[in-house]
Amino acid sequence: MDNPLSWSQRLRLRLFGHVSVGYRMKQSWKAPIEHFAFRCPIHGLVENYPHGRERLECPRCLEDAVKAEG
């Protein structure tokens, strides 16, 4: 993650398992998407946006899966 979480964000992360860290937008996107910080059991604290039906997936685990396939 780029920036550390505030104490209130750390508390929400602990209580709910994820916390909003703001809206981000990549060049190919039409609008910004809300991103969340959450803990991956393998990679620790990570940040990503919800996929599919509001499912948070670790971006580092996704990269590892792509590398394993190729």
N, C-alpha and C. Protein backbone atom coordinates (compact mmCIF):
# COMPACT_ATOMS: atom_id res chain seq x y z
N MET A 1 0.84 -1.19 0.00
CA MET A 1 0.00 0.00 0.00
C MET A 1 0.87 1.24 0.00
N ASP A 2 0.39 2.27 -0.66
CA ASP A 2 1.16 3.50 -0.80
C ASP A 2 1.26 4.30 0.49
N ASN A 3 0.12 4.52 1.14
CA ASN A 3 0.14 5.36 2.33
C ASN A 3 -0.41 4.58 3.53
N PRO A 4 0.12 4.90 4.71
CA PRO A 4 -0.36 4.19 5.91
C PRO A 4 -1.79 4.61 6.26
N LEU A 5 -2.47 3.77 6.98
CA LEU A 5 -3.84 4.04 7.38
C LEU A 5 -3.87 4.91 8.63
N SER A 6 -4.89 5.73 8.74
CA SER A 6 -5.09 6.51 9.95
C SER A 6 -5.57 5.58 11.06
N TRP A 7 -5.58 6.06 12.30
CA TRP A 7 -6.01 5.21 13.41
C TRP A 7 -7.46 4.79 13.25
N SER A 8 -8.32 5.70 12.72
CA SER A 8 -9.73 5.33 12.54
C SER A 8 -9.89 4.30 11.42
N GLN A 9 -9.07 4.39 10.39
CA GLN A 9 -9.12 3.38 9.33
C GLN A 9 -8.63 2.03 9.85
N ARG A 10 -7.60 2.04 10.68
CA ARG A 10 -7.10 0.79 11.25
C ARG A 10 -8.16 0.15 12.13
N LEU A 11 -8.90 0.97 12.86
CA LEU A 11 -9.98 0.45 13.71
C LEU A 11 -11.08 -0.18 12.85
N ARG A 12 -11.50 0.52 11.79
CA ARG A 12 -12.53 -0.03 10.89
C ARG A 12 -12.05 -1.30 10.21
N LEU A 13 -10.78 -1.35 9.83
CA LEU A 13 -10.20 -2.54 9.23
C LEU A 13 -10.31 -3.71 10.20
N ARG A 14 -10.01 -3.45 11.44
CA ARG A 14 -10.06 -4.50 12.46
C ARG A 14 -11.50 -4.95 12.72
N LEU A 15 -12.44 -4.00 12.73
CA LEU A 15 -13.83 -4.33 13.02
C LEU A 15 -14.55 -5.01 11.85
N PHE A 16 -14.30 -4.53 10.64
CA PHE A 16 -15.08 -4.97 9.48
C PHE A 16 -14.30 -5.82 8.48
N GLY A 17 -12.98 -5.89 8.63
CA GLY A 17 -12.17 -6.69 7.71
C GLY A 17 -11.72 -5.96 6.47
N HIS A 18 -12.26 -4.77 6.25
CA HIS A 18 -11.84 -3.93 5.12
C HIS A 18 -12.19 -2.49 5.45
N VAL A 19 -11.53 -1.56 4.76
CA VAL A 19 -11.79 -0.14 4.98
C VAL A 19 -11.56 0.62 3.67
N SER A 20 -12.41 1.57 3.39
CA SER A 20 -12.27 2.39 2.19
C SER A 20 -11.04 3.27 2.31
N VAL A 21 -10.27 3.33 1.22
CA VAL A 21 -9.08 4.18 1.20
C VAL A 21 -9.20 5.24 0.11
N GLY A 22 -10.40 5.39 -0.45
CA GLY A 22 -10.63 6.43 -1.44
C GLY A 22 -10.92 5.88 -2.82
N TYR A 23 -11.12 6.80 -3.72
CA TYR A 23 -11.44 6.45 -5.11
C TYR A 23 -10.19 6.59 -5.95
N ARG A 24 -9.96 5.63 -6.82
CA ARG A 24 -8.81 5.63 -7.73
C ARG A 24 -9.33 5.46 -9.15
N MET A 25 -8.55 5.96 -10.10
CA MET A 25 -8.96 5.83 -11.50
C MET A 25 -7.74 5.53 -12.36
N LYS A 26 -7.83 4.46 -13.15
CA LYS A 26 -6.78 4.14 -14.11
C LYS A 26 -7.14 4.79 -15.44
N GLN A 27 -6.17 4.91 -16.33
CA GLN A 27 -6.38 5.60 -17.60
C GLN A 27 -7.50 4.99 -18.43
N SER A 28 -7.62 3.69 -18.44
CA SER A 28 -8.62 3.05 -19.30
C SER A 28 -10.03 3.03 -18.70
N TRP A 29 -10.18 3.45 -17.44
CA TRP A 29 -11.48 3.44 -16.79
C TRP A 29 -12.29 4.67 -17.17
N LYS A 30 -13.60 4.53 -17.10
CA LYS A 30 -14.50 5.65 -17.40
C LYS A 30 -14.80 6.50 -16.18
N ALA A 31 -14.66 5.91 -15.01
CA ALA A 31 -14.96 6.63 -13.77
C ALA A 31 -14.12 6.05 -12.63
N PRO A 32 -13.89 6.83 -11.59
CA PRO A 32 -13.14 6.30 -10.45
C PRO A 32 -13.91 5.19 -9.73
N ILE A 33 -13.16 4.28 -9.12
CA ILE A 33 -13.75 3.16 -8.38
C ILE A 33 -13.21 3.20 -6.96
N GLU A 34 -14.09 2.95 -6.00
CA GLU A 34 -13.68 2.94 -4.61
C GLU A 34 -12.74 1.76 -4.34
N HIS A 35 -11.64 2.03 -3.68
CA HIS A 35 -10.66 1.01 -3.32
C HIS A 35 -10.71 0.78 -1.81
N PHE A 36 -10.33 -0.43 -1.42
CA PHE A 36 -10.38 -0.83 -0.03
C PHE A 36 -9.06 -1.45 0.38
N ALA A 37 -8.70 -1.24 1.64
CA ALA A 37 -7.56 -1.94 2.23
C ALA A 37 -8.13 -3.14 2.99
N PHE A 38 -7.42 -4.26 2.92
CA PHE A 38 -7.82 -5.47 3.63
C PHE A 38 -6.59 -6.34 3.80
N ARG A 39 -6.70 -7.33 4.65
CA ARG A 39 -5.55 -8.21 4.92
C ARG A 39 -5.66 -9.51 4.13
N CYS A 40 -4.60 -9.79 3.40
CA CYS A 40 -4.45 -11.08 2.72
C CYS A 40 -3.69 -11.98 3.68
N PRO A 41 -4.13 -13.24 3.85
CA PRO A 41 -3.40 -14.14 4.76
C PRO A 41 -1.97 -14.41 4.33
N ILE A 42 -1.68 -14.23 3.04
CA ILE A 42 -0.33 -14.49 2.53
C ILE A 42 0.51 -13.21 2.45
N HIS A 43 -0.07 -12.13 1.92
CA HIS A 43 0.69 -10.91 1.63
C HIS A 43 0.47 -9.77 2.62
N GLY A 44 -0.36 -9.95 3.61
CA GLY A 44 -0.59 -8.89 4.60
C GLY A 44 -1.53 -7.82 4.08
N LEU A 45 -1.29 -6.58 4.45
CA LEU A 45 -2.16 -5.47 4.10
C LEU A 45 -2.02 -5.13 2.61
N VAL A 46 -3.13 -5.19 1.88
CA VAL A 46 -3.15 -4.88 0.45
C VAL A 46 -4.32 -3.97 0.15
N GLU A 47 -4.33 -3.45 -1.08
CA GLU A 47 -5.40 -2.55 -1.52
C GLU A 47 -5.88 -3.00 -2.89
N ASN A 48 -7.19 -3.00 -3.08
CA ASN A 48 -7.78 -3.33 -4.37
C ASN A 48 -9.22 -2.87 -4.39
N TYR A 49 -9.85 -2.99 -5.53
CA TYR A 49 -11.25 -2.64 -5.68
C TYR A 49 -12.08 -3.92 -5.76
N PRO A 50 -13.38 -3.84 -5.45
CA PRO A 50 -14.23 -5.03 -5.49
C PRO A 50 -14.34 -5.60 -6.91
N HIS A 51 -14.31 -6.91 -7.00
CA HIS A 51 -14.46 -7.61 -8.28
C HIS A 51 -15.75 -8.40 -8.25
N GLY A 52 -16.39 -8.55 -9.39
CA GLY A 52 -17.61 -9.36 -9.45
C GLY A 52 -18.67 -8.89 -8.48
N ARG A 53 -19.12 -9.78 -7.65
CA ARG A 53 -20.17 -9.46 -6.67
C ARG A 53 -19.55 -8.95 -5.38
N GLU A 54 -18.92 -7.78 -5.48
CA GLU A 54 -18.33 -7.12 -4.30
C GLU A 54 -17.29 -7.99 -3.59
N ARG A 55 -16.50 -8.71 -4.36
CA ARG A 55 -15.48 -9.61 -3.82
C ARG A 55 -14.12 -8.92 -3.86
N LEU A 56 -13.45 -8.84 -2.72
CA LEU A 56 -12.12 -8.26 -2.66
C LEU A 56 -11.09 -9.37 -2.86
N GLU A 57 -10.20 -9.19 -3.82
CA GLU A 57 -9.17 -10.18 -4.11
C GLU A 57 -7.81 -9.53 -3.99
N CYS A 58 -6.88 -10.24 -3.41
CA CYS A 58 -5.52 -9.73 -3.24
C CYS A 58 -4.86 -9.57 -4.62
N PRO A 59 -4.39 -8.37 -4.96
CA PRO A 59 -3.77 -8.18 -6.27
C PRO A 59 -2.47 -8.97 -6.42
N ARG A 60 -1.75 -9.17 -5.33
CA ARG A 60 -0.50 -9.93 -5.40
C ARG A 60 -0.78 -11.41 -5.62
N CYS A 61 -1.85 -11.94 -5.02
CA CYS A 61 -2.23 -13.33 -5.26
C CYS A 61 -2.67 -13.51 -6.71
N LEU A 62 -3.39 -12.52 -7.25
CA LEU A 62 -3.81 -12.59 -8.65
C LEU A 62 -2.59 -12.60 -9.57
N GLU A 63 -1.59 -11.76 -9.29
CA GLU A 63 -0.35 -11.75 -10.08
C GLU A 63 0.35 -13.09 -10.00
N ASP A 64 0.42 -13.67 -8.81
CA ASP A 64 1.07 -14.97 -8.64
C ASP A 64 0.36 -16.05 -9.45
N ALA A 65 -0.98 -16.00 -9.49
CA ALA A 65 -1.75 -16.99 -10.25
C ALA A 65 -1.49 -16.87 -11.73
N VAL A 66 -1.38 -15.63 -12.22
CA VAL A 66 -1.10 -15.41 -13.64
C VAL A 66 0.29 -15.92 -13.99
N LYS A 67 1.26 -15.67 -13.13
CA LYS A 67 2.64 -16.14 -13.35
C LYS A 67 2.69 -17.67 -13.36
N ALA A 68 1.91 -18.31 -12.49
CA ALA A 68 1.90 -19.76 -12.40
C ALA A 68 1.31 -20.40 -13.65
N GLU A 69 0.33 -19.71 -14.25
CA GLU A 69 -0.31 -20.25 -15.47
C GLU A 69 0.60 -20.13 -16.67
N GLY A 70 1.38 -19.06 -16.73
CA GLY A 70 2.16 -18.75 -17.92
C GLY A 70 3.48 -19.40 -17.93
